[in-house]
């Protein structure tokens, strides 16, 4: 027996301090460095939000221009990393490709072992610039296609879509991607962010922490939820069939992917914005099937279980309507969240204390040792 407190999954446990973001579940709002996230999606570019997370302030016109120049000039991958992606099995999951690419980038960064604040910021900018390239190159190689080089004339969201497809994306898709990148950029002490901070607390370098965070995000209960949600919607297939499908799934105790969030009492604050974007994409392509279907699933879940969707749910069908392959959903999450992870690693390194919790032992007690020859 023990009198130590224990919370499975660390639910409700305060594990650290951060100035980066605050989830106010009572009023359904997410704050980034004092700014309402919804207001940022309505008024800022992803690059502005990335700058905010790395520097603590929104950029001036001159600062943003310099930041954009830094990002656009550092998108290219080292040749050996390109060849590593080229040599990967065609059926490798894009998250495995991305994790491996990020780890290998450490070989080619002279500042890898430098954990100073200034070096960490510079490395973060380089990673932010290169991850979309690694994502797109890995995808195109897996499809038997040659990579499309980054376009320095395009912003972050547009360049990502361009490298995936090899053609300039329409403005409405760029706007949708920009919004989704902002919504995913930072979200407190989630599993992948906490993983990054734990690794950073050992004074491991930024690349080590990012590689570990990507591994954590790959799980279907975290970043992989958007992929799982879309596979579920494809199984439902029709708005007419959606209600009965959900009822049958609940009767069979199946998990409805894309629903529920530990931090929100009255729904994920990012969902209304992403649903609006989904409707805009549906209007642009002239087909409302997927948001209509999703609305029925959401209404049924609310009526039957009182559970709200999280941001992965509308993001899944929005990306699908944009023609983005499902296995790329979580890697795109990485392309967004990398700046949030990096900001947390910087924060951890700047005021570090090793993260080393205790545990409650549940194994047997007082077992006498039996020599090998005398065991059963």
Foldseek 3Di string as FASTA:
>chain_A
DDPDDDDVVCQPPDQDDDQAWDQDQVVQFIAGLRHTLVVCLVDHFLLQSLCCLLPVDGDDPVVSVVLLVLLLVQQDDPPVLLVVLLPDALPDQLLVQLLVSLLVVLVVDPCQLPLASVSLSSVLSNCLSHLLQSSQSSNQSSVVHHWDDFDSVDGDQQRSVCRNPVDGDDPLSSSLLRSVLSVLAADPCDPLLVQLLLCLLVVRGNSVSLSSSSVRCCDCVHVVLLLVQLVVCVVQVFLVSQLVVLVVCVVVVHDRGQWADSSHDQENSSQVVLLVSLVVLCVVVVHCGQSSSLVSNQVNCCVPPVIHGYNSNSVSVSCVSVVHDSSCRSSSSSSRHSSNSSSSSSVCSVPHDNRDDDDDDDDDPDDDDDDPVPDD
